[in-house]
Every structure is written in structure tokens, then in C-alpha cells.
């Protein structure tokens, strides 16, 4: 049983397809750079993230994005290894993510690809 998430309260809820820390590129008017965030890709194809792992199931996610129909792929334009991007179908934002290894990046890309093409 997982403590601190909706899984413990709702045992019949399917486990998320993928979860873990990724660095997300921040490009607001004030902040620029990479922020480490806890990401959860749900079975329903929604990607949500939290400031910390412990926030999952206790706090509302900082953002929730539907991946169905999104464009995802490796990105080399930022000159940083293990970077991939996601452009949701509504197209009004581009998310840049950075994994800690090539294996971790592939794990996320495979899971996201399944959510993009359910």
C-alpha cells in the first residue's frame, strides 16, 4: 500500500503509468531555468506535477495537462542531454523536460507515447 496518495484510499484505482522526478524548464518573465518537479502520468492520459513527491495525493497538482494528441520527442535545441519536449494538442505551450539519464528519458517517452495515442 502506498501512503500519501489516492491509491491507499482507493485500492481499485489503477496505478499511474509513470511517475518520478524530472526537471522542467521554466520560462516566466521572472524565473528562467530548470526546476525539479515530481511528475505523475495517469492511466487516463493526464500528466500532472507537484513541487515534491510527498505532495502527491495531499496537495492539488501545480498543473494538469492532457497528453492525448500531443506532440512529444527528443529535443537537442537546448544543448543539454536527456531533454525532451511535449506540445499539447491545444498548442499554447511547450513543455521541456530533462531526465537524469537516457534510460529515464526513454521510460518517460514510451509512457507518454502511449498516452498520446491511446
Protein backbone atom coordinates (compact mmCIF):
# COMPACT_ATOMS: atom_id res chain seq x y z
CA UNK A 1 0.00 0.00 0.00
CA UNK A 2 1.32 3.42 -0.94
CA UNK A 3 0.96 6.01 1.80
CA UNK A 4 0.25 9.60 0.86
CA UNK A 5 -1.51 9.01 -2.44
CA UNK A 6 -5.00 8.29 -3.67
CA UNK A 7 -4.01 4.64 -4.18
CA UNK A 8 -4.18 3.89 -0.45
CA UNK A 9 -7.67 5.38 -0.13
CA UNK A 10 -8.96 3.90 -3.39
CA UNK A 11 -7.36 0.45 -3.84
CA UNK A 12 -9.16 -0.18 -7.16
CA UNK A 13 -7.68 2.96 -8.73
CA UNK A 14 -5.14 1.91 -11.38
CA UNK A 15 -1.57 2.84 -10.58
CA UNK A 16 -0.10 5.71 -12.57
CA UNK A 17 1.64 4.64 -15.77
CA UNK A 18 4.78 6.57 -14.92
CA UNK A 19 5.96 8.74 -12.06
CA UNK A 20 9.21 10.30 -10.97
CA UNK A 21 11.30 13.42 -10.78
CA UNK A 22 12.07 15.38 -13.93
CA UNK A 23 13.50 18.85 -14.40
CA UNK A 24 11.02 21.17 -16.10
CA UNK A 25 12.19 24.25 -17.94
CA UNK A 26 10.79 27.46 -16.51
CA UNK A 27 10.42 30.47 -18.75
CA UNK A 28 8.33 33.01 -16.93
CA UNK A 29 9.08 36.73 -17.04
CA UNK A 30 10.74 36.47 -13.62
CA UNK A 31 12.18 32.94 -13.44
CA UNK A 32 14.26 31.19 -16.04
CA UNK A 33 16.00 27.84 -15.71
CA UNK A 34 15.20 24.29 -14.66
CA UNK A 35 13.08 23.24 -11.69
CA UNK A 36 12.96 19.74 -10.26
CA UNK A 37 9.34 18.56 -10.05
CA UNK A 38 7.53 15.28 -9.24
CA UNK A 39 5.60 14.13 -12.32
CA UNK A 40 2.76 11.62 -12.44
CA UNK A 41 1.35 10.28 -15.70
CA UNK A 42 -2.10 8.84 -15.01
CA UNK A 43 -3.80 5.99 -16.88
CA UNK A 44 -6.33 8.48 -18.27
CA UNK A 45 -3.53 10.25 -20.19
CA UNK A 46 -3.20 13.27 -17.92
CA UNK A 47 0.25 14.44 -16.86
CA UNK A 48 0.35 16.30 -13.58
CA UNK A 49 3.17 17.58 -11.47
CA UNK A 50 3.92 18.63 -7.94
CA UNK A 51 6.70 20.53 -6.24
CA UNK A 52 7.72 17.43 -4.23
CA UNK A 53 6.99 13.68 -4.23
CA UNK A 54 5.34 13.97 -0.81
CA UNK A 55 2.73 16.37 -2.26
CA UNK A 56 1.16 13.69 -4.48
CA UNK A 57 -2.22 12.77 -3.04
CA UNK A 58 -2.03 15.51 -0.39
CA UNK A 59 -1.98 18.70 -2.47
CA UNK A 60 -3.51 19.73 -5.74
CA UNK A 61 -1.08 19.35 -8.64
CA UNK A 62 0.64 22.52 -9.82
CA UNK A 63 -0.62 21.77 -13.31
CA UNK A 64 -2.52 19.05 -15.19
CA UNK A 65 -2.08 18.54 -18.93
CA UNK A 66 -3.93 16.17 -21.25
CA UNK A 67 -1.42 14.32 -23.45
CA UNK A 68 -3.82 12.79 -25.97
CA UNK A 69 -2.90 14.13 -29.41
CA UNK A 70 0.20 15.92 -28.09
CA UNK A 71 3.50 16.03 -29.96
CA UNK A 72 6.39 14.57 -27.98
CA UNK A 73 10.01 13.86 -28.80
CA UNK A 74 13.68 14.31 -28.01
CA UNK A 75 14.92 17.89 -28.20
CA UNK A 76 18.53 18.82 -28.93
CA UNK A 77 18.00 22.56 -29.43
CA UNK A 78 18.86 23.45 -25.82
CA UNK A 79 22.30 21.81 -25.92
CA UNK A 80 21.58 19.72 -22.83
CA UNK A 81 21.46 15.89 -22.70
CA UNK A 82 18.29 13.87 -21.98
CA UNK A 83 15.91 16.71 -22.90
CA UNK A 84 12.53 16.01 -24.45
CA UNK A 85 9.56 18.21 -25.18
CA UNK A 86 5.81 17.95 -25.15
CA UNK A 87 3.47 20.18 -27.13
CA UNK A 88 -0.13 19.55 -26.01
CA UNK A 89 -2.82 19.48 -28.68
CA UNK A 90 -4.10 22.93 -27.74
CA UNK A 91 -0.59 24.10 -28.71
CA UNK A 92 -0.46 27.17 -26.50
CA UNK A 93 2.58 25.96 -24.55
CA UNK A 94 5.70 23.85 -24.99
CA UNK A 95 6.95 21.82 -22.05
CA UNK A 96 10.66 20.97 -21.91
CA UNK A 97 11.70 18.15 -19.59
CA UNK A 98 15.15 16.92 -18.63
CA UNK A 99 15.69 13.39 -17.30
CA UNK A 100 18.70 12.21 -15.32
CA UNK A 101 19.70 9.53 -17.85
CA UNK A 102 18.99 8.27 -21.34
CA UNK A 103 17.19 5.24 -19.85
CA UNK A 104 14.94 7.51 -17.74
CA UNK A 105 14.19 9.70 -20.76
CA UNK A 106 13.21 6.63 -22.82
CA UNK A 107 10.96 5.39 -19.98
CA UNK A 108 9.07 8.69 -19.97
CA UNK A 109 8.89 8.96 -23.77
CA UNK A 110 7.44 5.44 -24.06
CA UNK A 111 4.84 6.11 -21.36
CA UNK A 112 3.92 9.49 -22.86
CA UNK A 113 3.67 8.00 -26.33
CA UNK A 114 1.05 5.53 -25.05
CA UNK A 115 -0.89 8.45 -23.55
CA UNK A 116 -0.63 10.46 -26.78
CA UNK A 117 -2.03 7.54 -28.85
CA UNK A 118 -4.46 5.72 -26.50
